[in-house]
C-alpha atoms as a PDB file:
ATOM      1  CA  MET A   1     161.126 147.639 205.882  1.00  0.00           C
ATOM      2  CA  ARG A   2     157.617 148.787 206.752  1.00  0.00           C
ATOM      3  CA  ILE A   3     155.688 147.005 209.484  1.00  0.00           C
ATOM      4  CA  LEU A   4     152.310 147.415 211.122  1.00  0.00           C
ATOM      5  CA  SER A   5     150.981 146.133 214.434  1.00  0.00           C
ATOM      6  CA  SER A   6     147.602 146.342 216.094  1.00  0.00           C
ATOM      7  CA  LEU A   7     145.839 145.479 219.298  1.00  0.00           C
ATOM      8  CA  SER A   8     142.148 145.245 219.988  1.00  0.00           C
ATOM      9  CA  PRO A   9     139.878 144.048 222.794  1.00  0.00           C
ATOM     10  CA  LEU A  10     138.550 140.516 222.562  1.00  0.00           C
ATOM     11  CA  VAL A  11     135.574 141.428 224.735  1.00  0.00           C
ATOM     12  CA  LEU A  12     133.115 144.299 224.740  1.00  0.00           C
ATOM     13  CA  PHE A  13     132.752 146.561 227.746  1.00  0.00           C
ATOM     14  CA  SER A  14     131.363 149.988 228.553  1.00  0.00           C
ATOM     15  CA  ILE A  15     133.806 152.886 228.141  1.00  0.00           C
ATOM     16  CA  SER A  16     133.685 155.823 230.519  1.00  0.00           C
ATOM     17  CA  ALA A  17     133.889 159.482 229.538  1.00  0.00           C
ATOM     18  CA  SER A  18     137.462 159.606 230.864  1.00  0.00           C
ATOM     19  CA  ALA A  19     138.645 156.963 228.398  1.00  0.00           C
ATOM     20  CA  LEU A  20     141.294 158.385 226.101  1.00  0.00           C
ATOM     21  CA  ARG A  21     143.202 157.446 222.975  1.00  0.00           C
ATOM     22  CA  ILE A  22     146.157 159.756 223.417  1.00  0.00           C
ATOM     23  CA  VAL A  23     147.972 160.663 220.205  1.00  0.00           C
ATOM     24  CA  ARG A  24     150.852 163.002 219.436  1.00  0.00           C
ATOM     25  CA  PHE A  25     150.682 164.594 216.026  1.00  0.00           C
ATOM     26  CA  ILE A  26     151.760 167.347 213.669  1.00  0.00           C
ATOM     27  CA  SER A  27     148.883 169.676 212.780  1.00  0.00           C
ATOM     28  CA  ASP A  28     148.245 172.048 209.865  1.00  0.00           C
ATOM     29  CA  ASN A  29     150.574 174.777 211.077  1.00  0.00           C
ATOM     30  CA  GLY A  30     153.463 172.385 211.744  1.00  0.00           C
ATOM     31  CA  GLU A  31     152.957 172.505 215.506  1.00  0.00           C
ATOM     32  CA  ILE A  32     153.085 169.318 217.568  1.00  0.00           C
ATOM     33  CA  PHE A  33     150.173 168.558 219.887  1.00  0.00           C
ATOM     34  CA  HIS A  34     148.965 165.847 222.196  1.00  0.00           C
ATOM     35  CA  GLY A  35     145.324 165.053 221.686  1.00  0.00           C
ATOM     36  CA  ASP A  36     142.462 162.678 222.323  1.00  0.00           C
ATOM     37  CA  ALA A  37     141.858 161.071 218.929  1.00  0.00           C
ATOM     38  CA  ILE A  38     138.370 161.550 217.491  1.00  0.00           C
ATOM     39  CA  LEU A  39     137.517 158.195 215.951  1.00  0.00           C
ATOM     40  CA  PRO A  40     135.758 157.928 212.595  1.00  0.00           C
ATOM     41  CA  ALA A  41     132.582 155.864 212.447  1.00  0.00           C
ATOM     42  CA  ASN A  42     132.884 152.071 212.606  1.00  0.00           C
ATOM     43  CA  THR A  43     136.470 151.877 213.846  1.00  0.00           C
ATOM     44  CA  THR A  44     138.389 151.894 217.108  1.00  0.00           C
ATOM     45  CA  ASP A  45     141.747 152.390 215.357  1.00  0.00           C
ATOM     46  CA  ALA A  46     143.209 155.837 216.026  1.00  0.00           C
ATOM     47  CA  SER A  47     145.448 155.585 212.958  1.00  0.00           C
ATOM     48  CA  PHE A  48     142.349 156.479 210.908  1.00  0.00           C
ATOM     49  CA  SER A  49     141.622 159.598 212.967  1.00  0.00           C
ATOM     50  CA  LYS A  50     141.815 162.892 211.094  1.00  0.00           C
ATOM     51  CA  THR A  51     141.196 165.159 214.092  1.00  0.00           C
ATOM     52  CA  ALA A  52     141.813 165.222 217.841  1.00  0.00           C
ATOM     53  CA  LYS A  53     140.852 167.268 220.878  1.00  0.00           C
ATOM     54  CA  VAL A  54     143.979 169.041 222.124  1.00  0.00           C
ATOM     55  CA  ILE A  55     145.350 167.890 225.487  1.00  0.00           C
ATOM     56  CA  LYS A  56     147.065 170.434 227.727  1.00  0.00           C
ATOM     57  CA  GLY A  57     149.350 169.519 230.613  1.00  0.00           C
ATOM     58  CA  ASP A  58     151.597 166.662 231.723  1.00  0.00           C
ATOM     59  CA  ILE A  59     150.611 163.352 230.134  1.00  0.00           C
ATOM     60  CA  ILE A  60     152.945 161.130 232.155  1.00  0.00           C
ATOM     61  CA  GLY A  61     152.219 162.883 235.432  1.00  0.00           C
ATOM     62  CA  GLY A  62     148.494 162.561 234.830  1.00  0.00           C
ATOM     63  CA  ASN A  63     148.001 166.292 235.341  1.00  0.00           C
ATOM     64  CA  PHE A  64     146.370 167.144 232.022  1.00  0.00           C
ATOM     65  CA  THR A  65     143.103 168.375 230.577  1.00  0.00           C
ATOM     66  CA  VAL A  66     141.306 167.467 227.369  1.00  0.00           C
ATOM     67  CA  THR A  67     140.165 170.757 225.848  1.00  0.00           C
ATOM     68  CA  ASN A  68     137.418 171.458 223.324  1.00  0.00           C
ATOM     69  CA  GLU A  69     140.000 172.737 220.827  1.00  0.00           C
ATOM     70  CA  ILE A  70     140.030 170.469 217.787  1.00  0.00           C
ATOM     71  CA  ARG A  71     143.043 170.210 215.488  1.00  0.00           C
ATOM     72  CA  ASN A  72     143.606 168.370 212.228  1.00  0.00           C
ATOM     73  CA  ILE A  73     146.037 165.461 212.298  1.00  0.00           C
ATOM     74  CA  ASN A  74     148.506 165.780 209.432  1.00  0.00           C
ATOM     75  CA  LYS A  75     150.990 163.184 210.685  1.00  0.00           C
ATOM     76  CA  LEU A  76     150.949 160.843 213.653  1.00  0.00           C
ATOM     77  CA  LEU A  77     154.037 160.672 215.852  1.00  0.00           C
ATOM     78  CA  SER A  78     154.807 158.259 218.680  1.00  0.00           C
ATOM     79  CA  PRO A  79     152.316 158.898 221.514  1.00  0.00           C
ATOM     80  CA  LEU A  80     155.066 160.254 223.781  1.00  0.00           C
ATOM     81  CA  ALA A  81     158.156 162.166 222.663  1.00  0.00           C
ATOM     82  CA  PRO A  82     161.168 159.795 222.650  1.00  0.00           C
ATOM     83  CA  GLU A  83     163.377 162.304 224.458  1.00  0.00           C
ATOM     84  CA  ALA A  84     160.765 162.574 227.228  1.00  0.00           C
ATOM     85  CA  THR A  85     160.888 158.822 227.849  1.00  0.00           C
ATOM     86  CA  ARG A  86     163.238 157.970 230.707  1.00  0.00           C
ATOM     87  CA  SER A  87     163.723 154.289 229.916  1.00  0.00           C
ATOM     88  CA  VAL A  88     162.357 151.459 227.804  1.00  0.00           C
ATOM     89  CA  ARG A  89     162.358 148.233 229.803  1.00  0.00           C
ATOM     90  CA  CYS A  90     161.798 145.066 227.804  1.00  0.00           C
ATOM     91  CA  VAL A  91     160.851 141.557 228.906  1.00  0.00           C
ATOM     92  CA  GLY A  92     161.935 138.446 227.022  1.00  0.00           C
ATOM     93  CA  PHE A  93     160.482 134.924 227.037  1.00  0.00           C
ATOM     94  CA  ASN A  94     157.412 135.954 228.991  1.00  0.00           C
ATOM     95  CA  TYR A  95     155.492 134.670 225.963  1.00  0.00           C
ATOM     96  CA  ALA A  96     155.850 130.899 226.220  1.00  0.00           C
ATOM     97  CA  THR A  97     154.923 130.114 222.608  1.00  0.00           C
ATOM     98  CA  HIS A  98     157.718 132.357 221.303  1.00  0.00           C
ATOM     99  CA  ALA A  99     160.297 130.512 223.409  1.00  0.00           C
ATOM    100  CA  GLU A 100     158.993 127.161 222.196  1.00  0.00           C
ATOM    101  CA  GLU A 101     159.176 128.286 218.547  1.00  0.00           C
ATOM    102  CA  ALA A 102     162.829 129.209 219.082  1.00  0.00           C
ATOM    103  CA  ASN A 103     163.470 125.834 220.751  1.00  0.00           C
ATOM    104  CA  ILE A 104     164.533 127.621 223.926  1.00  0.00           C
ATOM    105  CA  THR A 105     163.838 126.296 227.397  1.00  0.00           C
ATOM    106  CA  ILE A 106     161.492 128.658 229.203  1.00  0.00           C
ATOM    107  CA  PRO A 107     163.494 130.203 232.068  1.00  0.00           C
ATOM    108  CA  ASP A 108     162.253 130.383 235.635  1.00  0.00           C
ATOM    109  CA  PHE A 109     162.360 134.176 235.371  1.00  0.00           C
ATOM    110  CA  PRO A 110     161.868 136.401 232.297  1.00  0.00           C
ATOM    111  CA  ILE A 111     164.879 138.013 230.639  1.00  0.00           C
ATOM    112  CA  LEU A 112     165.033 141.770 231.225  1.00  0.00           C
ATOM    113  CA  PHE A 113     166.806 144.217 228.903  1.00  0.00           C
ATOM    114  CA  TYR A 114     166.675 147.860 227.850  1.00  0.00           C
ATOM    115  CA  LYS A 115     166.291 149.808 224.658  1.00  0.00           C
ATOM    116  CA  PRO A 116     167.491 153.432 224.542  1.00  0.00           C
ATOM    117  CA  TRP A 117     164.963 156.183 223.917  1.00  0.00           C
ATOM    118  CA  THR A 118     166.604 156.740 220.523  1.00  0.00           C
ATOM    119  CA  ALA A 119     165.091 153.406 219.437  1.00  0.00           C
ATOM    120  CA  LEU A 120     161.573 154.808 219.792  1.00  0.00           C
ATOM    121  CA  ALA A 121     159.884 155.784 216.530  1.00  0.00           C
ATOM    122  CA  PRO A 122     156.476 156.793 215.145  1.00  0.00           C
ATOM    123  CA  PRO A 123     153.935 154.197 213.998  1.00  0.00           C
ATOM    124  CA  ASN A 124     153.408 153.332 210.338  1.00  0.00           C
ATOM    125  CA  GLY A 125     156.864 154.545 209.341  1.00  0.00           C
ATOM    126  CA  LYS A 126     159.979 152.997 207.851  1.00  0.00           C
ATOM    127  CA  VAL A 127     162.360 151.029 210.068  1.00  0.00           C
ATOM    128  CA  PRO A 128     165.942 151.999 209.167  1.00  0.00           C
ATOM    129  CA  VAL A 129     168.423 149.164 208.664  1.00  0.00           C
ATOM    130  CA  THR A 130     171.843 150.749 208.259  1.00  0.00           C
ATOM    131  CA  GLU A 131     174.727 149.239 206.306  1.00  0.00           C
ATOM    132  CA  GLY A 132     176.397 147.745 209.369  1.00  0.00           C
ATOM    133  CA  TYR A 133     173.352 145.611 210.067  1.00  0.00           C
ATOM    134  CA  GLN A 134     173.129 144.480 206.439  1.00  0.00           C
ATOM    135  CA  THR A 135     176.636 143.023 206.251  1.00  0.00           C
ATOM    136  CA  GLN A 136     176.490 140.273 208.884  1.00  0.00           C
ATOM    137  CA  GLY A 137     174.749 137.077 207.884  1.00  0.00           C
ATOM    138  CA  ASN A 138     171.819 136.799 205.525  1.00  0.00           C
ATOM    139  CA  PHE A 139     169.828 140.022 205.790  1.00  0.00           C
ATOM    140  CA  THR A 140     166.402 138.455 205.257  1.00  0.00           C
ATOM    141  CA  SER A 141     166.905 135.701 207.817  1.00  0.00           C
ATOM    142  CA  THR A 142     168.576 137.667 210.598  1.00  0.00           C
ATOM    143  CA  MET A 143     166.205 140.637 210.797  1.00  0.00           C
ATOM    144  CA  ASP A 144     163.210 139.944 213.001  1.00  0.00           C
ATOM    145  CA  TYR A 145     160.227 141.962 214.178  1.00  0.00           C
ATOM    146  CA  GLU A 146     157.720 141.098 216.883  1.00  0.00           C
ATOM    147  CA  ALA A 147     154.445 142.767 217.799  1.00  0.00           C
ATOM    148  CA  GLU A 148     154.434 143.698 221.466  1.00  0.00           C
ATOM    149  CA  LEU A 149     152.167 145.135 224.129  1.00  0.00           C
ATOM    150  CA  VAL A 150     153.604 148.456 225.342  1.00  0.00           C
ATOM    151  CA  VAL A 151     152.812 149.225 228.982  1.00  0.00           C
ATOM    152  CA  VAL A 152     153.309 152.900 229.886  1.00  0.00           C
ATOM    153  CA  ILE A 153     154.058 153.598 233.542  1.00  0.00           C
ATOM    154  CA  GLY A 154     152.386 156.813 234.657  1.00  0.00           C
ATOM    155  CA  LYS A 155     153.751 157.376 238.158  1.00  0.00           C
ATOM    156  CA  LYS A 156     156.662 156.502 240.406  1.00  0.00           C
ATOM    157  CA  ALA A 157     156.502 152.955 241.713  1.00  0.00           C
ATOM    158  CA  PHE A 158     159.173 151.371 243.891  1.00  0.00           C
ATOM    159  CA  ASN A 159     159.094 148.308 246.116  1.00  0.00           C
ATOM    160  CA  ILE A 160     155.393 147.720 245.502  1.00  0.00           C
ATOM    161  CA  THR A 161     153.438 144.478 245.597  1.00  0.00           C
ATOM    162  CA  GLU A 162     152.171 142.584 242.579  1.00  0.00           C
ATOM    163  CA  ASP A 163     148.627 143.594 243.500  1.00  0.00           C
ATOM    164  CA  GLU A 164     149.645 147.273 243.413  1.00  0.00           C
ATOM    165  CA  ALA A 165     151.552 147.113 240.134  1.00  0.00           C
ATOM    166  CA  LEU A 166     148.728 147.984 237.748  1.00  0.00           C
ATOM    167  CA  ASP A 167     147.909 151.104 239.762  1.00  0.00           C
ATOM    168  CA  ALA A 168     151.098 152.623 238.318  1.00  0.00           C
ATOM    169  CA  VAL A 169     150.070 151.972 234.710  1.00  0.00           C
ATOM    170  CA  LEU A 170     148.875 154.938 232.641  1.00  0.00           C
ATOM    171  CA  GLY A 171     147.836 152.914 229.620  1.00  0.00           C
ATOM    172  CA  TYR A 172     148.748 150.569 226.787  1.00  0.00           C
ATOM    173  CA  ALA A 173     149.791 150.698 223.147  1.00  0.00           C
ATOM    174  CA  ALA A 174     150.910 148.467 220.302  1.00  0.00           C
ATOM    175  CA  GLY A 175     154.607 148.389 219.519  1.00  0.00           C
ATOM    176  CA  TYR A 176     157.415 146.546 217.797  1.00  0.00           C
ATOM    177  CA  ASP A 177     160.633 144.989 219.021  1.00  0.00           C
ATOM    178  CA  VAL A 178     162.910 144.967 215.968  1.00  0.00           C
ATOM    179  CA  SER A 179     165.978 142.734 216.231  1.00  0.00           C
ATOM    180  CA  HIS A 180     168.979 141.589 214.240  1.00  0.00           C
ATOM    181  CA  ARG A 181     169.341 137.973 215.359  1.00  0.00           C
ATOM    182  CA  GLY A 182     172.817 137.705 213.881  1.00  0.00           C
ATOM    183  CA  TRP A 183     174.164 140.476 216.105  1.00  0.00           C
ATOM    184  CA  GLN A 184     172.025 139.420 219.048  1.00  0.00           C
ATOM    185  CA  ILE A 185     172.710 135.680 219.093  1.00  0.00           C
ATOM    186  CA  ASP A 186     175.127 134.387 216.443  1.00  0.00           C
ATOM    187  CA  ARG A 187     177.893 136.992 216.604  1.00  0.00           C
ATOM    188  CA  GLY A 188     179.797 135.130 213.894  1.00  0.00           C
ATOM    189  CA  GLY A 189     179.920 131.947 215.919  1.00  0.00           C
ATOM    190  CA  GLN A 190     180.664 133.715 219.197  1.00  0.00           C
ATOM    191  CA  PRO A 191     178.734 132.035 222.045  1.00  0.00           C
ATOM    192  CA  GLN A 192     177.810 135.123 224.063  1.00  0.00           C
ATOM    193  CA  PRO A 193     174.538 136.935 223.253  1.00  0.00           C
ATOM    194  CA  GLN A 194     174.595 140.680 222.621  1.00  0.00           C
ATOM    195  CA  PHE A 195     171.096 142.029 223.211  1.00  0.00           C
ATOM    196  CA  SER A 196     172.205 145.649 222.964  1.00  0.00           C
ATOM    197  CA  MET A 197     173.918 145.198 219.603  1.00  0.00           C
ATOM    198  CA  GLY A 198     170.980 143.219 218.252  1.00  0.00           C
ATOM    199  CA  LYS A 199     168.105 145.416 219.385  1.00  0.00           C
ATOM    200  CA  ASP A 200     169.182 148.982 220.183  1.00  0.00           C
ATOM    201  CA  ALA A 201     169.519 150.635 216.765  1.00  0.00           C
ATOM    202  CA  ASP A 202     167.823 153.980 216.186  1.00  0.00           C
ATOM    203  CA  GLY A 203     164.200 153.542 215.157  1.00  0.00           C
ATOM    204  CA  TRP A 204     163.948 149.889 216.172  1.00  0.00           C
ATOM    205  CA  GLY A 205     161.133 150.506 218.644  1.00  0.00           C
ATOM    206  CA  PRO A 206     158.169 151.950 216.715  1.00  0.00           C
ATOM    207  CA  TRP A 207     154.960 152.215 218.690  1.00  0.00           C
ATOM    208  CA  GLY A 208     151.490 153.706 218.563  1.00  0.00           C
ATOM    209  CA  PRO A 209     149.388 155.048 216.980  1.00  0.00           C
ATOM    210  CA  ALA A 210     147.737 155.829 220.320  1.00  0.00           C
ATOM    211  CA  LEU A 211     148.256 155.371 224.025  1.00  0.00           C
ATOM    212  CA  LEU A 212     145.018 153.875 225.318  1.00  0.00           C
ATOM    213  CA  THR A 213     144.160 154.623 228.924  1.00  0.00           C
ATOM    214  CA  LYS A 214     143.028 151.928 231.328  1.00  0.00           C
ATOM    215  CA  ASP A 215     139.401 152.952 230.866  1.00  0.00           C
ATOM    216  CA  VAL A 216     139.686 151.740 227.273  1.00  0.00           C
ATOM    217  CA  ILE A 217     141.643 148.608 228.238  1.00  0.00           C
ATOM    218  CA  PRO A 218     140.739 147.643 231.798  1.00  0.00           C
ATOM    219  CA  ASP A 219     142.229 144.156 231.384  1.00  0.00           C
ATOM    220  CA  PRO A 220     145.202 143.744 229.004  1.00  0.00           C
ATOM    221  CA  GLN A 221     144.920 139.951 229.272  1.00  0.00           C
ATOM    222  CA  THR A 222     141.866 140.127 226.990  1.00  0.00           C
ATOM    223  CA  LEU A 223     143.770 141.760 224.121  1.00  0.00           C
ATOM    224  CA  LYS A 224     144.439 140.264 220.731  1.00  0.00           C
ATOM    225  CA  ILE A 225     147.806 141.407 219.334  1.00  0.00           C
ATOM    226  CA  TRP A 226     148.874 140.694 215.764  1.00  0.00           C
ATOM    227  CA  GLN A 227     151.265 141.908 213.084  1.00  0.00           C
ATOM    228  CA  GLU A 228     151.148 142.290 209.324  1.00  0.00           C
ATOM    229  CA  LEU A 229     154.042 142.586 206.895  1.00  0.00           C
ATOM    230  CA  VAL A 230     152.949 145.427 204.619  1.00  0.00           C
ATOM    231  CA  SER A 231     155.985 145.535 202.331  1.00  0.00           C
ATOM    232  CA  TYR A 232     159.558 144.335 202.303  1.00  0.00           C
ATOM    233  CA  LEU A 233     162.563 145.863 200.587  1.00  0.00           C
ATOM    234  CA  LYS A 234     165.570 143.608 200.054  1.00  0.00           C
ATOM    235  CA  THR A 235     168.865 145.394 199.430  1.00  0.00           C
END
């Protein structure tokens, strides 16, 4: 299965010099770099970038510098290394329309769950569906994939107010929550849901191509997020 997601601003605004589209990529010599994607003309999509200015330092800690060194992008990776990601916290039913489509009563509080860092994967790649996930239920009807807004937390934040919450955000990206609804919900007629079994497989959290800083996206509520099914392989 190959899937593609995108996000773009619905409104136009001025972008400061500190605005970044942070990518992680393999360059000509096989080395992996972080960089600020250099956008081609007439696009804001970093997946079309062929070059980037190398970033040195700690991305998450915010202690980094964009250098004048330019490297070719041979292959885009996820914006942050999966093994460097401490946790992936997910929120369910915060999108009211999705709950209504599933004929589920919107809860008073969103459902919270985790994905392991091993679920994280590069953008524009293949999503692996191993044999165990192909043997329960109808494969085409139980696999699901939803475009999501990824919010990357850039500093420690504990016991803070709602007004302070966005101060901890480093930036935003497009991502996917891949699920097997049979394992998650049906369980062969079993009544109890199993979010971990249905969502936590390796590679079921692709995201990217870039991590956009808050200077690029000052207000995530203005974003348009959509998904396209590029190709589908039935086994």
